[in-house]
Amino acid sequence: MNCFSCFSSHEKKASKKYENIPNHASRPPTQPQTNHHHQQPRPENAGKPQIEATNNKPDNKEGANNIAAQTFTFRELATATKNFRQECLLGEGGFGRVYKGRLDKTGQTVAVKQLDRNGLQGNREFLVEVLMLSLLHHQNLVNLIGYCADGDQRLLVYEYMSLGSLEDHLLELPPGQPPLDWFSRMKIALQAAKGLEYLHDKANPPVIYRDLKSSNILLDSEYNAKLSDFGLAKLGPVGDRSHVSSRVMGTYGYCAPEYQKTGQLTVKSDVYSFGVVFLELITGRRAIDTTRVPQEQNLVTWADPMFREPNRFAELADPLLQGNYPKKSLNQAVAVAAMCLNEDASVRPFISDVVTALSYLGVGPDDNASETACSTPALSRKTSLKKGEKKRPDSSDSTYADERQKAVAEAIEWGSNSRNCNTTSHMYQGPSV
């Protein structure tokens, strides 16, 4: 990993952020209006592509209709947060502070992000986040309720996620709190991947999230995961373009190597970041942890040698799990993480293929399929679940069983080829996608 000038993160002990200013593909409005009517901020057209959420199903959870964000006065949000009292503080970082609040008009509990006027997230990032979350809606993206742009105040109002961030439960576990079990970790990984899949495959043009990390994955009371903080999101390539160029932005330890080196951004850059988060879920280690010995401070560098030795996969498992995970599930999870972390972006899987694989890994022990669900599915579009499919077909169905057997055979062949790859390779070589 190359060293970059970094800032400290926007969560309690969050990771460092690059100091460059992003050049977003869509031009935000110069100033959101601050009246009390429900309205939607819109970008100036100026020949720029507009974002639209595409969906063929009338599903409110990932609707194609844009939902107007409310506008709030600063006084309303000060009242909601008891004048931003310390007792309401949920977290703080380079962007500013997040408070728990209650809206007087509706009684709804919300999270209010007050941007530091001298902090890392500037007016452009504020506007981009308002635009993105006003136009894109999915069950695995945090819901933006509204915003405030009174004078020089910049505040964002989100739905309240009662369990905080994944980082709180995985990397900053309070004494006495039990660790996340294996199936909860796989569930969170699957839902985060589904959020990315929506941004990459259903938004038009595609949206590159660009800041996926454990502190940006929020959890509700049932450990359902949603992606948050879209200030660095950028419109992806369209037409014949293979990438978009951008100043390097993101969080140290999570950024794809080709993006760090060239500034060329693709959806596969997000896949790499997902691989880092997925590896954090498997290992219980931070992407960058300076408290460890030097050879273990960078998570990907530390795990790299073990990716090529399947008999060492158990060494990657979080010790707090105490071995309570299906071995086949661990093996496949490590293989998926390794493919996402391939230094060659062209051989990383698409996020839709990752969703397919994790759909098999994310089933719990009560699904009567602990072993079969943990058999190694290939990351192949041939076995992809249909869009919006939430439940696996009955494993007694002969067609499903045949597809399962074929997927396992393909994966075994893939794994054999990967282990025989050139020793200079740093990761498993996944199937061409």
Protein backbone atom coordinates (compact mmCIF):
# COMPACT_ATOMS: atom_id res chain seq x y z
CA MET A 1 0.00 0.00 0.00
CA ASN A 2 1.24 3.44 -0.84
CA CYS A 3 1.18 6.14 1.79
CA PHE A 4 -1.12 9.10 1.29
CA SER A 5 -1.76 12.27 3.19
CA CYS A 6 -4.75 11.26 5.28
CA PHE A 7 -7.29 12.81 7.57
CA SER A 8 -8.91 11.09 10.50
CA SER A 9 -12.23 9.43 9.77
CA HIS A 10 -15.73 10.61 10.35
CA GLU A 11 -16.53 8.00 12.96
CA LYS A 12 -15.29 7.72 16.51
CA LYS A 13 -11.95 6.15 15.62
CA ALA A 14 -12.54 6.20 11.95
CA SER A 15 -10.07 5.61 9.23
CA LYS A 16 -8.15 8.30 7.44
CA LYS A 17 -9.44 10.19 4.43
CA TYR A 18 -7.58 11.56 1.49
CA GLU A 19 -7.44 15.32 1.41
CA ASN A 20 -8.14 15.84 -2.29
CA ILE A 21 -11.40 17.40 -3.40
CA PRO A 22 -13.57 15.16 -5.63
CA ASN A 23 -14.68 16.19 -9.08
CA HIS A 24 -18.24 14.85 -9.20
CA ALA A 25 -19.87 13.94 -12.44
CA SER A 26 -23.13 15.71 -11.76
CA ARG A 27 -23.18 19.43 -10.97
CA PRO A 28 -25.12 20.12 -7.77
CA PRO A 29 -27.31 23.17 -7.32
CA THR A 30 -25.59 26.22 -5.98
CA GLN A 31 -27.74 26.30 -2.85
CA PRO A 32 -30.64 24.19 -1.56
CA GLN A 33 -33.67 26.35 -0.78
CA THR A 34 -34.73 26.47 2.80
CA ASN A 35 -38.52 26.90 2.74
CA HIS A 36 -40.76 24.50 4.64
CA HIS A 37 -42.43 22.86 1.65
CA HIS A 38 -41.50 19.33 0.71
CA GLN A 39 -39.26 19.59 -2.29
CA GLN A 40 -36.51 17.79 -4.12
CA PRO A 41 -33.14 19.41 -4.82
CA ARG A 42 -32.27 19.06 -8.49
CA PRO A 43 -28.97 19.34 -10.32
CA GLU A 44 -28.50 21.84 -13.07
CA ASN A 45 -28.80 19.98 -16.35
CA ALA A 46 -26.03 21.63 -18.33
CA GLY A 47 -25.67 18.51 -20.44
CA LYS A 48 -24.87 16.35 -17.42
CA PRO A 49 -26.47 12.92 -17.06
CA GLN A 50 -29.26 12.68 -14.51
CA ILE A 51 -29.45 9.82 -12.05
CA GLU A 52 -32.54 7.72 -12.10
CA ALA A 53 -33.34 4.57 -10.21
CA THR A 54 -34.52 1.86 -12.55
CA ASN A 55 -36.66 -0.98 -11.34
CA ASN A 56 -39.01 -3.27 -13.19
CA LYS A 57 -41.01 -4.23 -10.12
CA PRO A 58 -43.48 -2.10 -8.14
CA ASP A 59 -41.49 -2.53 -4.97
CA ASN A 60 -41.41 0.39 -2.60
CA LYS A 61 -38.13 -0.82 -1.18
CA GLU A 62 -36.28 -0.06 -4.36
CA GLY A 63 -38.60 2.26 -6.15
CA ALA A 64 -38.01 4.14 -9.34
CA ASN A 65 -39.90 7.17 -8.04
CA ASN A 66 -37.88 9.98 -6.53
CA ILE A 67 -38.92 10.96 -3.03
CA ALA A 68 -38.61 14.60 -2.11
CA ALA A 69 -36.41 15.38 0.88
CA GLN A 70 -37.91 17.68 3.48
CA THR A 71 -36.31 20.98 4.35
CA PHE A 72 -35.84 21.92 7.99
CA THR A 73 -34.92 25.15 9.70
CA PHE A 74 -31.94 25.20 12.01
CA ARG A 75 -34.29 25.99 14.89
CA GLU A 76 -36.34 22.85 14.20
CA LEU A 77 -33.26 20.63 14.32
CA ALA A 78 -31.86 22.39 17.39
CA THR A 79 -35.15 21.66 19.13
CA ALA A 80 -35.10 18.04 17.94
CA THR A 81 -31.63 17.47 19.41
CA LYS A 82 -32.20 19.46 22.63
CA ASN A 83 -29.97 22.20 21.29
CA PHE A 84 -27.32 19.66 20.26
CA ARG A 85 -26.68 18.52 23.80
CA GLN A 86 -23.81 16.16 24.58
CA GLU A 87 -26.28 13.52 25.82
CA CYS A 88 -27.69 13.28 22.28
CA LEU A 89 -24.30 12.88 20.61
CA LEU A 90 -23.99 9.61 18.67
CA GLY A 91 -20.55 10.12 17.12
CA GLU A 92 -18.14 12.62 15.66
CA GLY A 93 -15.26 12.82 13.25
CA GLY A 94 -13.70 14.87 10.48
CA PHE A 95 -17.09 15.75 8.95
CA GLY A 96 -18.70 17.02 12.15
CA ARG A 97 -21.09 15.45 14.65
CA VAL A 98 -24.13 13.17 14.57
CA TYR A 99 -26.90 13.60 17.12
CA LYS A 100 -29.97 11.60 18.02
CA GLY A 101 -33.11 13.71 17.75
CA ARG A 102 -36.90 13.62 17.79
CA LEU A 103 -38.91 15.66 15.31
CA ASP A 104 -41.64 17.66 17.01
CA LYS A 105 -44.07 17.53 14.10
CA THR A 106 -44.06 13.77 13.62
CA GLY A 107 -42.47 12.37 16.76
CA GLN A 108 -40.04 10.44 14.57
CA THR A 109 -36.63 9.55 16.01
CA VAL A 110 -33.88 10.64 13.62
CA ALA A 111 -30.13 11.05 13.30
CA VAL A 112 -28.98 14.60 12.60
CA LYS A 113 -25.55 15.10 11.03
CA GLN A 114 -24.23 18.62 11.63
CA LEU A 115 -21.38 19.34 9.26
CA ASP A 116 -18.36 21.12 10.64
CA ARG A 117 -17.98 24.28 8.58
CA ASN A 118 -14.21 23.81 8.77
CA GLY A 119 -14.32 20.03 8.39
CA LEU A 120 -13.67 17.53 5.63
CA GLN A 121 -17.11 17.46 4.04
CA GLY A 122 -17.62 20.70 2.17
CA ASN A 123 -20.63 22.27 0.51
CA ARG A 124 -20.17 20.19 -2.64
CA GLU A 125 -20.14 16.90 -0.73
CA PHE A 126 -23.21 18.03 1.23
CA LEU A 127 -25.11 18.74 -1.98
CA VAL A 128 -23.99 15.48 -3.59
CA GLU A 129 -25.26 13.51 -0.60
CA VAL A 130 -28.63 15.30 -0.68
CA LEU A 131 -28.94 14.59 -4.41
CA MET A 132 -27.87 10.96 -4.22
CA LEU A 133 -30.09 9.99 -1.32
CA SER A 134 -33.05 11.94 -2.72
CA LEU A 135 -32.83 10.10 -6.03
CA LEU A 136 -31.78 6.62 -4.97
CA HIS A 137 -33.93 4.43 -2.74
CA HIS A 138 -33.32 0.87 -1.63
CA GLN A 139 -33.87 -1.15 1.54
CA ASN A 140 -30.08 -1.35 2.01
CA LEU A 141 -29.39 2.38 1.61
CA VAL A 142 -29.96 4.70 4.56
CA ASN A 143 -33.06 6.85 4.12
CA LEU A 144 -32.54 10.62 3.93
CA ILE A 145 -35.46 12.38 5.59
CA GLY A 146 -34.35 15.93 4.89
CA TYR A 147 -31.73 18.63 5.21
CA CYS A 148 -31.10 22.13 6.49
CA ALA A 149 -29.19 24.85 4.66
CA ASP A 150 -29.95 27.89 6.79
CA GLY A 151 -27.24 30.46 6.21
CA ASP A 152 -23.92 28.69 6.56
CA GLN A 153 -25.42 25.78 8.54
CA ARG A 154 -25.40 22.40 6.78
CA LEU A 155 -27.29 19.53 8.40
CA LEU A 156 -28.60 16.20 7.11
CA VAL A 157 -31.47 14.28 8.71
CA TYR A 158 -31.51 10.48 8.36
CA GLU A 159 -33.58 7.64 9.66
CA TYR A 160 -32.26 6.52 13.03
CA MET A 161 -30.33 3.24 12.99
CA SER A 162 -30.51 2.07 16.58
CA LEU A 163 -27.49 -0.27 16.64
CA GLY A 164 -25.05 2.23 15.17
CA SER A 165 -22.34 1.13 12.76
CA LEU A 166 -20.83 -2.23 11.94
CA GLU A 167 -17.58 -0.84 13.31
CA ASP A 168 -19.20 -0.53 16.76
CA HIS A 169 -20.10 -4.23 16.86
CA LEU A 170 -17.11 -5.68 15.07
CA LEU A 171 -14.05 -3.54 15.74
CA GLU A 172 -14.95 -1.56 18.86
CA LEU A 173 -16.79 -4.20 20.86
CA PRO A 174 -17.56 -2.94 24.40
CA PRO A 175 -16.51 -5.19 27.30
CA GLY A 176 -19.14 -7.81 28.05
CA GLN A 177 -20.93 -7.50 24.72
CA PRO A 178 -21.03 -10.79 22.78
CA PRO A 179 -19.39 -10.71 19.35
CA LEU A 180 -21.38 -10.97 16.14
CA ASP A 181 -21.98 -14.60 15.28
CA TRP A 182 -20.96 -16.01 11.91
CA PHE A 183 -24.39 -15.93 10.27
CA SER A 184 -25.02 -12.34 11.39
CA ARG A 185 -21.74 -11.38 9.74
CA MET A 186 -22.70 -13.10 6.50
CA LYS A 187 -26.14 -11.45 6.60
CA ILE A 188 -24.58 -8.00 7.01
CA ALA A 189 -22.13 -8.69 4.17
CA LEU A 190 -24.97 -9.84 1.90
CA GLN A 191 -27.09 -6.77 2.60
CA ALA A 192 -24.17 -4.39 2.08
CA ALA A 193 -23.47 -6.14 -1.24
CA LYS A 194 -27.14 -5.74 -2.22
CA GLY A 195 -26.88 -2.01 -1.55
CA LEU A 196 -23.86 -1.82 -3.86
CA GLU A 197 -25.63 -3.96 -6.46
CA TYR A 198 -28.46 -1.45 -6.55
CA LEU A 199 -26.03 1.44 -7.07
CA HIS A 200 -24.04 -0.39 -9.76
CA ASP A 201 -26.77 -2.21 -11.67
CA LYS A 202 -30.08 -0.39 -11.16
CA ALA A 203 -29.12 3.28 -10.95
CA ASN A 204 -28.84 4.88 -14.38
CA PRO A 205 -26.08 5.93 -14.85
CA PRO A 206 -24.41 3.65 -12.31
CA VAL A 207 -23.20 5.17 -9.06
CA ILE A 208 -19.79 4.38 -7.58
CA TYR A 209 -20.04 4.60 -3.81
CA ARG A 210 -16.32 5.19 -3.28
CA ASP A 211 -16.32 5.11 0.53
CA LEU A 212 -17.39 1.64 1.62
CA LYS A 213 -16.06 0.80 5.09
CA SER A 214 -17.33 -0.66 8.34
CA SER A 215 -18.15 2.73 9.87
CA ASN A 216 -20.41 3.56 6.90
CA ILE A 217 -22.53 0.41 7.26
CA LEU A 218 -25.32 1.13 9.74
CA LEU A 219 -27.44 -1.46 11.55
CA ASP A 220 -31.05 -1.36 12.71
CA SER A 221 -32.46 -3.20 15.73
CA GLU A 222 -32.51 -6.50 13.81
CA TYR A 223 -28.98 -6.14 12.44
CA ASN A 224 -30.21 -5.23 8.97
CA ALA A 225 -27.47 -3.30 7.18
CA LYS A 226 -27.70 -0.07 5.20
CA LEU A 227 -25.03 1.96 3.44
CA SER A 228 -24.66 5.56 4.60
CA ASP A 229 -22.61 8.69 3.86
CA PHE A 230 -22.78 9.38 0.13
CA GLY A 231 -20.72 12.57 0.08
CA LEU A 232 -18.00 10.94 -2.05
CA ALA A 233 -20.33 9.05 -4.41
CA LYS A 234 -19.67 9.59 -8.10
CA LEU A 235 -21.50 8.77 -11.30
CA GLY A 236 -19.93 5.79 -13.05
CA PRO A 237 -18.90 5.34 -16.69
CA VAL A 238 -21.56 5.17 -19.40
CA GLY A 239 -21.51 4.10 -23.03
CA ASP A 240 -18.13 2.95 -24.29
CA ARG A 241 -16.22 4.44 -21.38
CA SER A 242 -14.51 1.89 -19.16
CA HIS A 243 -13.86 4.22 -16.24
CA VAL A 244 -14.20 7.74 -14.91
CA SER A 245 -11.20 9.75 -13.80
CA SER A 246 -11.17 11.35 -10.39
CA ARG A 247 -8.85 12.75 -7.80
CA VAL A 248 -8.19 10.02 -5.27
CA MET A 249 -10.76 10.15 -2.48
CA GLY A 250 -11.82 7.54 0.00
CA THR A 251 -10.48 5.90 3.12
CA TYR A 252 -6.95 4.62 3.55
CA GLY A 253 -6.88 0.83 3.62
CA TYR A 254 -10.10 0.41 1.65
CA CYS A 255 -9.23 1.99 -1.72
CA ALA A 256 -8.51 -0.22 -4.74
CA PRO A 257 -4.83 -0.20 -5.80
CA GLU A 258 -5.51 0.84 -9.40
CA TYR A 259 -7.59 3.77 -8.19
CA GLN A 260 -4.85 4.86 -5.81
CA LYS A 261 -2.25 4.73 -8.58
CA THR A 262 -4.16 6.17 -11.54
CA GLY A 263 -7.31 7.88 -10.28
CA GLN A 264 -9.31 5.68 -12.69
CA LEU A 265 -12.56 4.69 -11.00
CA THR A 266 -14.85 1.79 -11.94
CA VAL A 267 -17.50 -0.27 -10.18
CA LYS A 268 -14.74 -2.83 -9.53
CA SER A 269 -13.14 -0.22 -7.24
CA ASP A 270 -16.16 -0.60 -4.95
CA VAL A 271 -15.84 -4.39 -5.19
CA TYR A 272 -12.31 -4.13 -3.80
CA SER A 273 -13.53 -1.98 -0.90
CA PHE A 274 -16.25 -4.53 -0.25
CA GLY A 275 -13.58 -7.23 -0.14
CA VAL A 276 -11.76 -5.31 2.61
CA VAL A 277 -14.95 -4.96 4.67
CA PHE A 278 -15.77 -8.63 4.10
CA LEU A 279 -12.29 -9.57 5.30
CA GLU A 280 -12.87 -7.44 8.40
CA LEU A 281 -16.06 -9.42 9.05
CA ILE A 282 -14.20 -12.72 8.68
CA THR A 283 -11.18 -11.78 10.78
CA GLY A 284 -12.46 -9.20 13.27
CA ARG A 285 -9.44 -7.05 12.35
CA ARG A 286 -9.28 -3.47 11.13
CA ALA A 287 -8.22 -2.67 7.58
CA ILE A 288 -5.40 -0.61 9.07
CA ASP A 289 -4.40 -1.20 12.69
CA THR A 290 -1.26 0.58 13.83
CA THR A 291 -1.46 -1.07 17.27
CA ARG A 292 -0.34 -4.39 15.78
CA VAL A 293 3.16 -5.48 14.86
CA PRO A 294 4.30 -3.94 11.55
CA GLN A 295 3.72 -7.04 9.40
CA GLU A 296 0.09 -7.24 10.60
CA GLN A 297 -0.91 -3.58 10.42
CA ASN A 298 -2.34 -3.79 6.88
CA LEU A 299 -5.10 -6.39 6.86
CA VAL A 300 -4.93 -7.27 3.15
CA THR A 301 -1.13 -7.58 3.20
CA TRP A 302 -1.31 -9.81 6.27
CA ALA A 303 -4.01 -12.07 4.78
CA ASP A 304 -2.48 -12.28 1.30
CA PRO A 305 -0.18 -15.30 1.90
CA MET A 306 -3.04 -17.27 3.48
CA PHE A 307 -5.31 -16.69 0.50
CA ARG A 308 -3.10 -19.05 -1.50
CA GLU A 309 -3.06 -21.80 1.13
CA PRO A 310 -6.52 -23.25 1.83
CA ASN A 311 -5.20 -25.25 4.77
CA ARG A 312 -4.51 -21.91 6.51
CA PHE A 313 -7.97 -20.40 6.03
CA ALA A 314 -8.89 -21.16 9.65
CA GLU A 315 -6.11 -18.78 10.75
CA LEU A 316 -8.13 -15.94 9.23
CA ALA A 317 -11.24 -16.58 11.35
CA ASP A 318 -11.96 -14.11 14.15
CA PRO A 319 -10.77 -15.71 17.43
CA LEU A 320 -13.89 -14.33 19.13
CA LEU A 321 -15.96 -16.78 17.08
CA GLN A 322 -14.23 -19.61 18.97
CA GLY A 323 -14.59 -21.90 15.99
CA ASN A 324 -18.39 -21.51 15.84
CA TYR A 325 -18.77 -21.40 12.07
CA PRO A 326 -19.21 -24.00 9.30
CA LYS A 327 -15.77 -24.75 7.88
CA LYS A 328 -17.04 -24.88 4.30
CA SER A 329 -18.73 -21.52 4.79
CA LEU A 330 -15.48 -20.01 6.06
CA ASN A 331 -13.57 -21.46 3.10
CA GLN A 332 -16.00 -20.00 0.59
CA ALA A 333 -16.15 -16.65 2.38
CA VAL A 334 -12.36 -16.37 2.26
CA ALA A 335 -12.38 -17.31 -1.43
CA VAL A 336 -14.97 -14.61 -2.19
CA ALA A 337 -12.97 -12.02 -0.24
CA ALA A 338 -9.79 -13.03 -2.07
CA MET A 339 -11.43 -12.61 -5.49
CA CYS A 340 -12.79 -9.20 -4.54
CA LEU A 341 -9.29 -8.19 -3.42
CA ASN A 342 -7.55 -9.26 -6.59
CA GLU A 343 -5.08 -6.56 -7.63
CA ASP A 344 -6.23 -7.00 -11.23
CA ALA A 345 -9.59 -5.28 -11.38
CA SER A 346 -10.62 -7.12 -14.56
CA VAL A 347 -10.79 -10.47 -12.78
CA ARG A 348 -12.69 -9.26 -9.74
CA PRO A 349 -16.31 -10.43 -9.78
CA PHE A 350 -19.16 -8.02 -10.36
CA ILE A 351 -21.05 -7.22 -7.18
CA SER A 352 -24.12 -9.07 -8.52
CA ASP A 353 -22.04 -12.26 -8.57
CA VAL A 354 -20.90 -11.58 -5.02
CA VAL A 355 -24.54 -11.23 -4.00
CA THR A 356 -25.25 -14.64 -5.54
CA ALA A 357 -22.44 -16.30 -3.60
CA LEU A 358 -23.35 -14.62 -0.32
CA SER A 359 -26.98 -15.64 -0.75
CA TYR A 360 -25.81 -19.16 -0.04
CA LEU A 361 -23.47 -18.18 2.79
CA GLY A 362 -25.98 -15.97 4.59
CA VAL A 363 -28.42 -18.70 5.62
CA GLY A 364 -28.56 -19.51 9.31
CA PRO A 365 -28.48 -22.88 11.05
CA ASP A 366 -32.30 -23.02 11.13
CA ASP A 367 -32.54 -23.24 7.34
CA ASN A 368 -31.87 -27.00 7.40
CA ALA A 369 -29.07 -26.33 4.99
CA SER A 370 -26.00 -25.52 7.03
CA GLU A 371 -23.83 -27.89 5.06
CA THR A 372 -25.39 -27.57 1.64
CA ALA A 373 -25.63 -23.81 1.89
CA CYS A 374 -21.96 -23.70 2.73
CA SER A 375 -20.92 -25.76 -0.24
CA THR A 376 -18.85 -23.61 -2.55
CA PRO A 377 -21.01 -21.85 -5.17
CA ALA A 378 -19.21 -20.48 -8.20
CA LEU A 379 -19.37 -16.76 -8.86
CA SER A 380 -21.12 -17.32 -12.14
CA ARG A 381 -24.02 -15.52 -13.74
CA LYS A 382 -25.42 -18.93 -14.65
CA THR A 383 -26.46 -19.47 -11.04
CA SER A 384 -27.40 -15.88 -10.24
CA LEU A 385 -30.59 -15.36 -8.28
CA LYS A 386 -33.34 -13.43 -10.02
CA LYS A 387 -33.50 -9.74 -9.24
CA GLY A 388 -35.33 -9.15 -6.00
CA GLU A 389 -35.38 -12.83 -5.04
CA LYS A 390 -35.28 -13.09 -1.28
CA LYS A 391 -35.64 -16.81 -0.62
CA ARG A 392 -33.80 -19.77 -1.99
CA PRO A 393 -35.86 -22.42 -3.72
CA ASP A 394 -36.57 -25.62 -1.82
CA SER A 395 -33.39 -27.66 -1.77
CA SER A 396 -35.46 -30.78 -2.48
CA ASP A 397 -36.33 -29.44 -5.94
CA SER A 398 -34.40 -31.48 -8.52
CA THR A 399 -33.59 -28.51 -10.75
CA TYR A 400 -32.18 -26.57 -7.83
CA ALA A 401 -30.18 -29.60 -6.71
CA ASP A 402 -28.70 -29.98 -10.20
CA GLU A 403 -27.73 -26.31 -10.29
CA ARG A 404 -26.20 -26.61 -6.82
CA GLN A 405 -24.14 -29.63 -7.87
CA LYS A 406 -23.00 -27.89 -11.05
CA ALA A 407 -22.05 -24.75 -9.11
CA VAL A 408 -19.98 -26.73 -6.65
CA ALA A 409 -18.20 -28.57 -9.47
CA GLU A 410 -17.39 -25.28 -11.20
CA ALA A 411 -16.06 -23.84 -7.96
CA ILE A 412 -13.85 -26.85 -7.31
CA GLU A 413 -12.39 -26.51 -10.81
CA TRP A 414 -11.92 -22.78 -10.29
CA GLY A 415 -10.21 -23.35 -6.94
CA SER A 416 -7.85 -25.92 -8.45
CA ASN A 417 -6.87 -23.57 -11.26
CA SER A 418 -6.37 -20.71 -8.80
CA ARG A 419 -3.98 -22.66 -6.63
CA ASN A 420 -1.90 -23.53 -9.68
CA CYS A 421 -1.64 -19.94 -10.85
CA ASN A 422 1.66 -18.12 -11.14
CA THR A 423 3.31 -17.72 -7.74
CA THR A 424 3.74 -14.03 -8.38
CA SER A 425 -0.01 -13.57 -8.18
CA HIS A 426 -1.10 -11.84 -5.00
CA MET A 427 -4.66 -13.17 -4.92
CA TYR A 428 -6.83 -15.97 -6.19
CA GLN A 429 -7.64 -15.47 -9.82
CA GLY A 430 -11.41 -15.39 -10.13
CA PRO A 431 -13.37 -16.24 -13.23
CA SER A 432 -13.40 -13.67 -16.02
CA VAL A 433 -16.42 -11.46 -15.73
